[in-house]
C-alpha cells in the first residue's frame, strides 16, 4: 500500500486498529495472560522474542486478514522483527493492515492530576527509522487522572507539540491523552479535554492530519465534534481496562469512533491453543470489536 492508499484505508474503511504495542513494563503481564510464565524466559531478549512470537501468530492468523483490522500499532522491537519472512510492516501491509509505531518513552510522575510523557530523547532517530521501514503513523500515550484544567491543558499541549514534530517527518501521529476510566470526575474532565483538543486542532496548519485515541466517553458521542474536525483523520477508542464485552458495549454507543484495543483483542488467546483454536478465539474477538466499531 502507498501512503495515500493507507490514508484512505484509515480515513474511510470500516474496521478497527489492533494495539500490539506492549513494551518493556507491560510485556511480562501480557505474556502471563497468553500463558507464558516468567520462568519460561530470562532477560529482555528472551522476553521480547516470546512476545514477538505471540504477535507474529496474531498477524499470520487467517482471521487477522479478514479485512476487519485496518491498522496495527507496534512496539519498536516488533517493527524491527520479521513476520512470515518479511519485515513486520511489510507483512501487515500485505494483509492491508496499516502499520503504526509506539514512540513514547513512558510517563512522568503525576502532577496537576495528569501524567505527562517523559521527554522523548530518541524521537528523531526512531521517526527516521520508522519512515525507512514504511510505517504510516505513530502513537504516544499520556494519562489524565482528574479534572484539573491546568493539567489537562498541559497534557494536550504536549501531545500536539510532539504531534507536529512527528507530522513534520511525514508520519501521521495518534495523540493519546487517556482518561483513567476509574476517575470519579471523568465526565467533567472529558468536557475540559474536549475543549482543549478542539483548540489544539484549530491551531494546526491547514491540511495537517492527526488521529486521536481517547477513552470511551462517559457521555456517548461527546467527541462527535472531534470526529468531524477537518484536521482529524480518525478518532479511535482505547479499552482502558474494560473487558472486551464492556468496551464493545460502551463503544457501540459512539457513532464514528472505532476501536483500538489491546487487552480487548488478545484476552482469550493462549500459547497452548491449537492454530484452529487460536484463530477461532481471535476471530471471535475481531468480529465483536468490528461490530462495535461500525455500530451506529
C-alpha atoms as a PDB file:
ATOM      1  CA  UNK A   1       0.000   0.000   0.000  1.00  0.00           C
ATOM      2  CA  UNK A   2       1.168   3.510  -0.811  1.00  0.00           C
ATOM      3  CA  UNK A   3       0.919   6.300   1.762  1.00  0.00           C
ATOM      4  CA  UNK A   4      -2.179   7.671   0.011  1.00  0.00           C
ATOM      5  CA  UNK A   5      -3.761   4.229  -0.020  1.00  0.00           C
ATOM      6  CA  UNK A   6      -3.046   3.820   3.690  1.00  0.00           C
ATOM      7  CA  UNK A   7      -4.504   7.263   4.378  1.00  0.00           C
ATOM      8  CA  UNK A   8      -7.715   6.340   2.584  1.00  0.00           C
ATOM      9  CA  UNK A   9      -7.901   2.973   4.357  1.00  0.00           C
ATOM     10  CA  UNK A  10      -7.652   4.572   7.796  1.00  0.00           C
ATOM     11  CA  UNK A  11      -9.937   7.513   6.994  1.00  0.00           C
ATOM     12  CA  UNK A  12     -12.751   5.727   5.220  1.00  0.00           C
ATOM     13  CA  UNK A  13     -12.853   1.963   5.716  1.00  0.00           C
ATOM     14  CA  UNK A  14     -14.919   0.062   8.246  1.00  0.00           C
ATOM     15  CA  UNK A  15     -12.842  -1.759  10.840  1.00  0.00           C
ATOM     16  CA  UNK A  16     -10.588  -1.112  13.806  1.00  0.00           C
ATOM     17  CA  UNK A  17      -6.942  -0.779  14.823  1.00  0.00           C
ATOM     18  CA  UNK A  18      -5.228  -3.554  16.767  1.00  0.00           C
ATOM     19  CA  UNK A  19      -2.931  -2.390  19.581  1.00  0.00           C
ATOM     20  CA  UNK A  20       0.052  -4.771  19.597  1.00  0.00           C
ATOM     21  CA  UNK A  21       2.428  -2.345  21.283  1.00  0.00           C
ATOM     22  CA  UNK A  22       3.056  -3.621  24.810  1.00  0.00           C
ATOM     23  CA  UNK A  23       6.570  -2.504  25.710  1.00  0.00           C
ATOM     24  CA  UNK A  24       9.054  -3.458  28.425  1.00  0.00           C
ATOM     25  CA  UNK A  25       6.957  -2.747  31.501  1.00  0.00           C
ATOM     26  CA  UNK A  26       3.720  -4.335  30.296  1.00  0.00           C
ATOM     27  CA  UNK A  27       5.210  -7.285  28.395  1.00  0.00           C
ATOM     28  CA  UNK A  28       5.507  -9.773  31.310  1.00  0.00           C
ATOM     29  CA  UNK A  29       1.830  -9.239  32.160  1.00  0.00           C
ATOM     30  CA  UNK A  30       0.851  -9.717  28.516  1.00  0.00           C
ATOM     31  CA  UNK A  31       2.895 -12.921  28.336  1.00  0.00           C
ATOM     32  CA  UNK A  32       1.319 -14.278  31.518  1.00  0.00           C
ATOM     33  CA  UNK A  33      -2.111 -13.620  30.049  1.00  0.00           C
ATOM     34  CA  UNK A  34      -1.034 -15.577  26.967  1.00  0.00           C
ATOM     35  CA  UNK A  35       0.084 -18.497  29.149  1.00  0.00           C
ATOM     36  CA  UNK A  36       3.838 -17.870  29.169  1.00  0.00           C
ATOM     37  CA  UNK A  37       5.115 -17.888  32.757  1.00  0.00           C
ATOM     38  CA  UNK A  38       8.013 -15.744  33.958  1.00  0.00           C
ATOM     39  CA  UNK A  39      10.289 -18.794  34.292  1.00  0.00           C
ATOM     40  CA  UNK A  40       9.984 -19.542  30.557  1.00  0.00           C
ATOM     41  CA  UNK A  41      12.217 -16.614  29.632  1.00  0.00           C
ATOM     42  CA  UNK A  42      15.289 -14.909  31.080  1.00  0.00           C
ATOM     43  CA  UNK A  43      16.319 -11.348  30.254  1.00  0.00           C
ATOM     44  CA  UNK A  44      14.896  -8.823  27.837  1.00  0.00           C
ATOM     45  CA  UNK A  45      15.979 -10.594  24.654  1.00  0.00           C
ATOM     46  CA  UNK A  46      14.092 -13.787  25.512  1.00  0.00           C
ATOM     47  CA  UNK A  47      11.109 -11.804  26.798  1.00  0.00           C
ATOM     48  CA  UNK A  48      10.820  -9.808  23.584  1.00  0.00           C
ATOM     49  CA  UNK A  49      11.328 -12.951  21.494  1.00  0.00           C
ATOM     50  CA  UNK A  50       8.393 -14.547  23.323  1.00  0.00           C
ATOM     51  CA  UNK A  51       6.098 -11.552  22.789  1.00  0.00           C
ATOM     52  CA  UNK A  52       7.173 -11.296  19.149  1.00  0.00           C
ATOM     53  CA  UNK A  53       6.212 -14.934  18.639  1.00  0.00           C
ATOM     54  CA  UNK A  54       2.758 -14.143  20.023  1.00  0.00           C
ATOM     55  CA  UNK A  55       2.339 -11.080  17.829  1.00  0.00           C
ATOM     56  CA  UNK A  56       3.545 -12.989  14.775  1.00  0.00           C
ATOM     57  CA  UNK A  57       0.945 -15.654  15.467  1.00  0.00           C
ATOM     58  CA  UNK A  58      -1.742 -12.963  15.657  1.00  0.00           C
ATOM     59  CA  UNK A  59      -0.663 -11.239  12.436  1.00  0.00           C
ATOM     60  CA  UNK A  60      -0.441 -14.503  10.455  1.00  0.00           C
ATOM     61  CA  UNK A  61      -3.751 -15.914  11.737  1.00  0.00           C
ATOM     62  CA  UNK A  62      -6.357 -16.123   8.944  1.00  0.00           C
ATOM     63  CA  UNK A  63      -8.902 -14.052  10.874  1.00  0.00           C
ATOM     64  CA  UNK A  64      -6.448 -11.137  11.143  1.00  0.00           C
ATOM     65  CA  UNK A  65      -6.530 -10.844   7.341  1.00  0.00           C
ATOM     66  CA  UNK A  66     -10.331 -10.742   7.198  1.00  0.00           C
ATOM     67  CA  UNK A  67     -10.327  -7.049   6.284  1.00  0.00           C
ATOM     68  CA  UNK A  68     -11.843  -6.055   9.621  1.00  0.00           C
ATOM     69  CA  UNK A  69      -8.479  -4.990  11.067  1.00  0.00           C
ATOM     70  CA  UNK A  70      -7.443  -1.834   9.210  1.00  0.00           C
ATOM     71  CA  UNK A  71      -4.400  -0.889  11.293  1.00  0.00           C
ATOM     72  CA  UNK A  72      -1.985  -2.189  13.919  1.00  0.00           C
ATOM     73  CA  UNK A  73       0.182  -0.347  16.451  1.00  0.00           C
ATOM     74  CA  UNK A  74       3.608  -1.902  17.019  1.00  0.00           C
ATOM     75  CA  UNK A  75       6.366  -1.652  19.597  1.00  0.00           C
ATOM     76  CA  UNK A  76       9.771  -0.735  18.130  1.00  0.00           C
ATOM     77  CA  UNK A  77      11.214  -4.225  18.554  1.00  0.00           C
ATOM     78  CA  UNK A  78       8.184  -5.670  16.732  1.00  0.00           C
ATOM     79  CA  UNK A  79       8.767  -3.258  13.864  1.00  0.00           C
ATOM     80  CA  UNK A  80      12.415  -4.355  13.783  1.00  0.00           C
ATOM     81  CA  UNK A  81      11.472  -8.043  13.606  1.00  0.00           C
ATOM     82  CA  UNK A  82      10.275 -10.349  10.845  1.00  0.00           C
ATOM     83  CA  UNK A  83       6.850 -11.904  10.335  1.00  0.00           C
ATOM     84  CA  UNK A  84       6.182 -14.579   7.734  1.00  0.00           C
ATOM     85  CA  UNK A  85       9.622 -13.967   6.217  1.00  0.00           C
ATOM     86  CA  UNK A  86       9.065 -10.220   5.814  1.00  0.00           C
ATOM     87  CA  UNK A  87       9.728  -7.106   7.892  1.00  0.00           C
ATOM     88  CA  UNK A  88       6.713  -6.686  10.168  1.00  0.00           C
ATOM     89  CA  UNK A  89       5.433  -3.517   8.454  1.00  0.00           C
ATOM     90  CA  UNK A  90       5.527  -5.257   5.072  1.00  0.00           C
ATOM     91  CA  UNK A  91       3.766  -8.327   6.474  1.00  0.00           C
ATOM     92  CA  UNK A  92       0.992  -6.074   7.766  1.00  0.00           C
ATOM     93  CA  UNK A  93       0.645  -4.122   4.536  1.00  0.00           C
ATOM     94  CA  UNK A  94       0.462  -7.389   2.589  1.00  0.00           C
ATOM     95  CA  UNK A  95      -2.694  -8.034   4.656  1.00  0.00           C
ATOM     96  CA  UNK A  96      -3.991  -4.468   4.048  1.00  0.00           C
ATOM     97  CA  UNK A  97      -3.277  -3.561   7.662  1.00  0.00           C
ATOM     98  CA  UNK A  98      -1.764  -0.089   8.108  1.00  0.00           C
ATOM     99  CA  UNK A  99       1.279  -0.056  10.470  1.00  0.00           C
ATOM    100  CA  UNK A 100       1.806   2.433  13.308  1.00  0.00           C
ATOM    101  CA  UNK A 101       4.685   2.649  15.807  1.00  0.00           C
ATOM    102  CA  UNK A 102       4.571   3.476  19.530  1.00  0.00           C
ATOM    103  CA  UNK A 103       7.071   6.286  20.140  1.00  0.00           C
ATOM    104  CA  UNK A 104       6.660   7.474  23.733  1.00  0.00           C
ATOM    105  CA  UNK A 105       9.224   6.546  26.394  1.00  0.00           C
ATOM    106  CA  UNK A 106       6.848   6.199  29.332  1.00  0.00           C
ATOM    107  CA  UNK A 107       5.180   8.509  31.825  1.00  0.00           C
ATOM    108  CA  UNK A 108       6.321  11.128  34.298  1.00  0.00           C
ATOM    109  CA  UNK A 109       5.101  11.071  37.891  1.00  0.00           C
ATOM    110  CA  UNK A 110       1.649  12.543  38.430  1.00  0.00           C
ATOM    111  CA  UNK A 111       1.391  16.326  38.763  1.00  0.00           C
ATOM    112  CA  UNK A 112      -1.692  18.563  38.423  1.00  0.00           C
ATOM    113  CA  UNK A 113      -3.839  15.461  38.057  1.00  0.00           C
ATOM    114  CA  UNK A 114      -2.031  14.105  34.988  1.00  0.00           C
ATOM    115  CA  UNK A 115       0.959  12.051  33.941  1.00  0.00           C
ATOM    116  CA  UNK A 116       2.790  13.763  31.113  1.00  0.00           C
ATOM    117  CA  UNK A 117       5.039  11.785  28.808  1.00  0.00           C
ATOM    118  CA  UNK A 118       8.718  11.627  29.627  1.00  0.00           C
ATOM    119  CA  UNK A 119      10.913  13.698  27.348  1.00  0.00           C
ATOM    120  CA  UNK A 120      11.453  11.702  24.170  1.00  0.00           C
ATOM    121  CA  UNK A 121      15.225  11.622  23.859  1.00  0.00           C
ATOM    122  CA  UNK A 122      15.318   9.226  20.885  1.00  0.00           C
ATOM    123  CA  UNK A 123      12.362  10.517  18.878  1.00  0.00           C
ATOM    124  CA  UNK A 124      14.076  11.839  15.748  1.00  0.00           C
ATOM    125  CA  UNK A 125      16.115   8.658  15.253  1.00  0.00           C
ATOM    126  CA  UNK A 126      13.058   6.470  15.800  1.00  0.00           C
ATOM    127  CA  UNK A 127      10.988   8.520  13.359  1.00  0.00           C
ATOM    128  CA  UNK A 128      13.685   8.304  10.688  1.00  0.00           C
ATOM    129  CA  UNK A 129      13.885   4.540  11.186  1.00  0.00           C
ATOM    130  CA  UNK A 130      10.085   4.256  11.063  1.00  0.00           C
ATOM    131  CA  UNK A 131       9.860   6.195   7.806  1.00  0.00           C
ATOM    132  CA  UNK A 132      12.535   3.935   6.302  1.00  0.00           C
ATOM    133  CA  UNK A 133      10.579   0.864   7.462  1.00  0.00           C
ATOM    134  CA  UNK A 134       7.438   2.076   5.680  1.00  0.00           C
ATOM    135  CA  UNK A 135       5.376   2.925   8.736  1.00  0.00           C
ATOM    136  CA  UNK A 136       2.318   5.143   8.309  1.00  0.00           C
ATOM    137  CA  UNK A 137       1.963   6.756  11.720  1.00  0.00           C
ATOM    138  CA  UNK A 138       2.858   6.852  15.388  1.00  0.00           C
ATOM    139  CA  UNK A 139       1.172   6.598  18.786  1.00  0.00           C
ATOM    140  CA  UNK A 140       2.080   8.192  22.115  1.00  0.00           C
ATOM    141  CA  UNK A 141       0.229   7.937  25.419  1.00  0.00           C
ATOM    142  CA  UNK A 142      -0.183  10.170  28.448  1.00  0.00           C
ATOM    143  CA  UNK A 143      -2.758   9.803  31.235  1.00  0.00           C
ATOM    144  CA  UNK A 144      -5.333  12.075  32.882  1.00  0.00           C
ATOM    145  CA  UNK A 145      -6.233  11.188  36.464  1.00  0.00           C
ATOM    146  CA  UNK A 146      -8.560  14.045  37.439  1.00  0.00           C
ATOM    147  CA  UNK A 147     -10.459  17.050  36.065  1.00  0.00           C
ATOM    148  CA  UNK A 148      -7.660  19.542  36.636  1.00  0.00           C
ATOM    149  CA  UNK A 149      -7.859  22.232  33.919  1.00  0.00           C
ATOM    150  CA  UNK A 150      -4.162  23.134  34.241  1.00  0.00           C
ATOM    151  CA  UNK A 151      -3.053  19.510  33.962  1.00  0.00           C
ATOM    152  CA  UNK A 152      -5.365  18.701  31.057  1.00  0.00           C
ATOM    153  CA  UNK A 153      -4.203  21.790  29.154  1.00  0.00           C
ATOM    154  CA  UNK A 154      -0.584  20.748  29.703  1.00  0.00           C
ATOM    155  CA  UNK A 155      -1.167  17.181  28.581  1.00  0.00           C
ATOM    156  CA  UNK A 156      -2.909  18.271  25.383  1.00  0.00           C
ATOM    157  CA  UNK A 157      -0.233  20.883  24.633  1.00  0.00           C
ATOM    158  CA  UNK A 158       2.494  18.256  24.984  1.00  0.00           C
ATOM    159  CA  UNK A 159       0.644  15.839  22.681  1.00  0.00           C
ATOM    160  CA  UNK A 160       0.292  18.478  19.960  1.00  0.00           C
ATOM    161  CA  UNK A 161       3.897  19.657  20.367  1.00  0.00           C
ATOM    162  CA  UNK A 162       5.221  16.163  19.712  1.00  0.00           C
ATOM    163  CA  UNK A 163       2.489  15.512  17.142  1.00  0.00           C
ATOM    164  CA  UNK A 164       3.688  18.403  14.999  1.00  0.00           C
ATOM    165  CA  UNK A 165       7.275  17.147  15.167  1.00  0.00           C
ATOM    166  CA  UNK A 166       6.074  13.739  14.014  1.00  0.00           C
ATOM    167  CA  UNK A 167       3.950  15.180  11.203  1.00  0.00           C
ATOM    168  CA  UNK A 168       6.932  17.221  10.027  1.00  0.00           C
ATOM    169  CA  UNK A 169       8.677  13.878   9.386  1.00  0.00           C
ATOM    170  CA  UNK A 170       5.826  12.723   7.163  1.00  0.00           C
ATOM    171  CA  UNK A 171       4.090  10.388   9.609  1.00  0.00           C
ATOM    172  CA  UNK A 172       0.530  10.658  10.961  1.00  0.00           C
ATOM    173  CA  UNK A 173       0.535  10.972  14.772  1.00  0.00           C
ATOM    174  CA  UNK A 174      -2.047   9.352  17.022  1.00  0.00           C
ATOM    175  CA  UNK A 175      -2.415  11.622  20.056  1.00  0.00           C
ATOM    176  CA  UNK A 176      -3.472   9.588  23.103  1.00  0.00           C
ATOM    177  CA  UNK A 177      -4.353  11.589  26.216  1.00  0.00           C
ATOM    178  CA  UNK A 178      -6.001   8.648  28.000  1.00  0.00           C
ATOM    179  CA  UNK A 179      -8.541   9.481  30.711  1.00  0.00           C
ATOM    180  CA  UNK A 180      -8.364   6.960  33.574  1.00  0.00           C
ATOM    181  CA  UNK A 181     -11.754   5.219  33.467  1.00  0.00           C
ATOM    182  CA  UNK A 182     -11.728   4.813  37.261  1.00  0.00           C
ATOM    183  CA  UNK A 183     -11.580   8.590  37.867  1.00  0.00           C
ATOM    184  CA  UNK A 184     -14.656   9.789  39.771  1.00  0.00           C
ATOM    185  CA  UNK A 185     -14.742  13.112  37.907  1.00  0.00           C
ATOM    186  CA  UNK A 186     -14.254  11.716  34.417  1.00  0.00           C
ATOM    187  CA  UNK A 187     -17.500  13.120  32.953  1.00  0.00           C
ATOM    188  CA  UNK A 188     -16.480  16.644  33.980  1.00  0.00           C
ATOM    189  CA  UNK A 189     -12.874  16.206  32.916  1.00  0.00           C
ATOM    190  CA  UNK A 190     -13.757  14.850  29.487  1.00  0.00           C
ATOM    191  CA  UNK A 191     -15.560  18.109  28.696  1.00  0.00           C
ATOM    192  CA  UNK A 192     -12.390  20.021  29.586  1.00  0.00           C
ATOM    193  CA  UNK A 193     -10.396  17.606  27.417  1.00  0.00           C
ATOM    194  CA  UNK A 194     -12.810  18.096  24.510  1.00  0.00           C
ATOM    195  CA  UNK A 195     -12.348  21.874  24.641  1.00  0.00           C
ATOM    196  CA  UNK A 196      -8.548  21.654  24.839  1.00  0.00           C
ATOM    197  CA  UNK A 197      -8.359  19.173  21.960  1.00  0.00           C
ATOM    198  CA  UNK A 198     -10.592  21.380  19.820  1.00  0.00           C
ATOM    199  CA  UNK A 199      -8.278  24.354  20.464  1.00  0.00           C
ATOM    200  CA  UNK A 200      -5.254  22.272  19.537  1.00  0.00           C
ATOM    201  CA  UNK A 201      -6.852  21.052  16.339  1.00  0.00           C
ATOM    202  CA  UNK A 202      -7.922  24.551  15.327  1.00  0.00           C
ATOM    203  CA  UNK A 203      -4.313  25.715  15.690  1.00  0.00           C
ATOM    204  CA  UNK A 204      -2.902  23.090  13.315  1.00  0.00           C
ATOM    205  CA  UNK A 205      -1.708  24.148   9.862  1.00  0.00           C
ATOM    206  CA  UNK A 206      -4.334  23.783   7.157  1.00  0.00           C
ATOM    207  CA  UNK A 207      -4.348  20.271   5.741  1.00  0.00           C
ATOM    208  CA  UNK A 208      -2.369  18.691   8.601  1.00  0.00           C
ATOM    209  CA  UNK A 209      -3.986  15.426   9.699  1.00  0.00           C
ATOM    210  CA  UNK A 210      -3.741  13.829  13.127  1.00  0.00           C
ATOM    211  CA  UNK A 211      -5.575  10.990  14.823  1.00  0.00           C
ATOM    212  CA  UNK A 212      -6.911  10.852  18.372  1.00  0.00           C
ATOM    213  CA  UNK A 213      -7.000   7.839  20.681  1.00  0.00           C
ATOM    214  CA  UNK A 214      -9.322   8.500  23.602  1.00  0.00           C
ATOM    215  CA  UNK A 215     -11.046   6.694  26.430  1.00  0.00           C
ATOM    216  CA  UNK A 216     -14.658   5.901  25.550  1.00  0.00           C
ATOM    217  CA  UNK A 217     -16.518   8.912  26.982  1.00  0.00           C
ATOM    218  CA  UNK A 218     -18.999   8.749  29.828  1.00  0.00           C
ATOM    219  CA  UNK A 219     -21.410  10.795  27.710  1.00  0.00           C
ATOM    220  CA  UNK A 220     -21.988   8.973  24.392  1.00  0.00           C
ATOM    221  CA  UNK A 221     -20.997  10.949  21.291  1.00  0.00           C
ATOM    222  CA  UNK A 222     -19.247  13.644  23.362  1.00  0.00           C
ATOM    223  CA  UNK A 223     -16.382  13.581  20.881  1.00  0.00           C
ATOM    224  CA  UNK A 224     -18.537  13.993  17.753  1.00  0.00           C
ATOM    225  CA  UNK A 225     -17.069  17.477  17.100  1.00  0.00           C
ATOM    226  CA  UNK A 226     -13.575  15.990  17.060  1.00  0.00           C
ATOM    227  CA  UNK A 227     -14.621  13.212  14.688  1.00  0.00           C
ATOM    228  CA  UNK A 228     -15.993  15.858  12.308  1.00  0.00           C
ATOM    229  CA  UNK A 229     -12.965  18.187  12.539  1.00  0.00           C
ATOM    230  CA  UNK A 230     -11.208  18.661   9.177  1.00  0.00           C
ATOM    231  CA  UNK A 231      -7.767  18.065  10.731  1.00  0.00           C
ATOM    232  CA  UNK A 232      -8.764  14.682  12.220  1.00  0.00           C
ATOM    233  CA  UNK A 233      -8.181  11.585  10.121  1.00  0.00           C
ATOM    234  CA  UNK A 234      -9.894   9.221  12.615  1.00  0.00           C
ATOM    235  CA  UNK A 235     -10.844   9.011  16.288  1.00  0.00           C
ATOM    236  CA  UNK A 236     -10.169   5.648  17.917  1.00  0.00           C
ATOM    237  CA  UNK A 237     -11.016   4.305  21.354  1.00  0.00           C
ATOM    238  CA  UNK A 238      -8.823   2.530  23.874  1.00  0.00           C
ATOM    239  CA  UNK A 239     -10.296  -0.226  26.006  1.00  0.00           C
ATOM    240  CA  UNK A 240      -8.771   1.269  29.151  1.00  0.00           C
ATOM    241  CA  UNK A 241      -9.065  -1.829  31.307  1.00  0.00           C
ATOM    242  CA  UNK A 242     -12.576  -2.787  30.242  1.00  0.00           C
ATOM    243  CA  UNK A 243     -13.188  -6.379  29.202  1.00  0.00           C
ATOM    244  CA  UNK A 244     -13.940  -6.960  25.521  1.00  0.00           C
ATOM    245  CA  UNK A 245     -17.661  -7.124  26.270  1.00  0.00           C
ATOM    246  CA  UNK A 246     -17.706  -3.926  28.346  1.00  0.00           C
ATOM    247  CA  UNK A 247     -15.554  -1.975  25.904  1.00  0.00           C
ATOM    248  CA  UNK A 248     -17.655  -3.017  22.921  1.00  0.00           C
ATOM    249  CA  UNK A 249     -20.902  -2.188  24.729  1.00  0.00           C
ATOM    250  CA  UNK A 250     -19.689   1.348  25.500  1.00  0.00           C
ATOM    251  CA  UNK A 251     -18.047   1.886  22.100  1.00  0.00           C
ATOM    252  CA  UNK A 252     -21.174   0.937  20.159  1.00  0.00           C
ATOM    253  CA  UNK A 253     -22.924   3.998  21.625  1.00  0.00           C
ATOM    254  CA  UNK A 254     -20.424   6.372  19.964  1.00  0.00           C
ATOM    255  CA  UNK A 255     -21.027   6.954  16.264  1.00  0.00           C
ATOM    256  CA  UNK A 256     -17.893   7.341  14.178  1.00  0.00           C
ATOM    257  CA  UNK A 257     -15.482   6.195  16.890  1.00  0.00           C
ATOM    258  CA  UNK A 258     -13.662   2.939  16.170  1.00  0.00           C
ATOM    259  CA  UNK A 259     -11.725   0.616  18.445  1.00  0.00           C
ATOM    260  CA  UNK A 260      -8.005   0.428  19.076  1.00  0.00           C
ATOM    261  CA  UNK A 261      -7.962  -2.316  21.679  1.00  0.00           C
ATOM    262  CA  UNK A 262      -5.141  -4.379  23.161  1.00  0.00           C
ATOM    263  CA  UNK A 263      -6.473  -6.378  26.102  1.00  0.00           C
ATOM    264  CA  UNK A 264      -9.913  -6.455  24.498  1.00  0.00           C
ATOM    265  CA  UNK A 265      -8.445  -8.119  21.402  1.00  0.00           C
ATOM    266  CA  UNK A 266      -5.975 -10.536  22.999  1.00  0.00           C
ATOM    267  CA  UNK A 267      -7.567 -11.581  26.305  1.00  0.00           C
ATOM    268  CA  UNK A 268      -8.724 -15.051  25.178  1.00  0.00           C
ATOM    269  CA  UNK A 269      -5.572 -16.095  23.314  1.00  0.00           C
ATOM    270  CA  UNK A 270      -3.323 -18.783  24.819  1.00  0.00           C
ATOM    271  CA  UNK A 271       0.004 -20.251  23.767  1.00  0.00           C
ATOM    272  CA  UNK A 272      -1.210 -23.855  24.159  1.00  0.00           C
ATOM    273  CA  UNK A 273      -4.193 -23.420  21.824  1.00  0.00           C
ATOM    274  CA  UNK A 274      -4.052 -25.252  18.511  1.00  0.00           C
ATOM    275  CA  UNK A 275      -3.811 -22.961  15.493  1.00  0.00           C
ATOM    276  CA  UNK A 276      -7.504 -23.583  14.814  1.00  0.00           C
ATOM    277  CA  UNK A 277      -8.460 -22.792  18.418  1.00  0.00           C
ATOM    278  CA  UNK A 278      -6.254 -19.701  18.417  1.00  0.00           C
ATOM    279  CA  UNK A 279      -7.764 -18.391  15.201  1.00  0.00           C
ATOM    280  CA  UNK A 280     -11.295 -19.097  16.413  1.00  0.00           C
ATOM    281  CA  UNK A 281     -10.696 -17.138  19.635  1.00  0.00           C
ATOM    282  CA  UNK A 282      -9.043 -14.283  17.759  1.00  0.00           C
ATOM    283  CA  UNK A 283     -11.749 -14.282  15.111  1.00  0.00           C
ATOM    284  CA  UNK A 284     -14.493 -14.074  17.740  1.00  0.00           C
ATOM    285  CA  UNK A 285     -12.831 -11.026  19.312  1.00  0.00           C
ATOM    286  CA  UNK A 286     -12.256  -9.415  15.903  1.00  0.00           C
ATOM    287  CA  UNK A 287     -15.895  -9.888  14.921  1.00  0.00           C
ATOM    288  CA  UNK A 288     -17.117  -8.463  18.229  1.00  0.00           C
ATOM    289  CA  UNK A 289     -14.821  -5.428  18.123  1.00  0.00           C
ATOM    290  CA  UNK A 290     -15.600  -4.820  14.444  1.00  0.00           C
ATOM    291  CA  UNK A 291     -19.344  -4.850  15.130  1.00  0.00           C
ATOM    292  CA  UNK A 292     -18.942  -2.285  17.896  1.00  0.00           C
ATOM    293  CA  UNK A 293     -16.729  -0.115  15.662  1.00  0.00           C
ATOM    294  CA  UNK A 294     -19.282   0.054  12.849  1.00  0.00           C
ATOM    295  CA  UNK A 295     -22.368   0.373  15.076  1.00  0.00           C
ATOM    296  CA  UNK A 296     -24.472   3.471  14.607  1.00  0.00           C
END
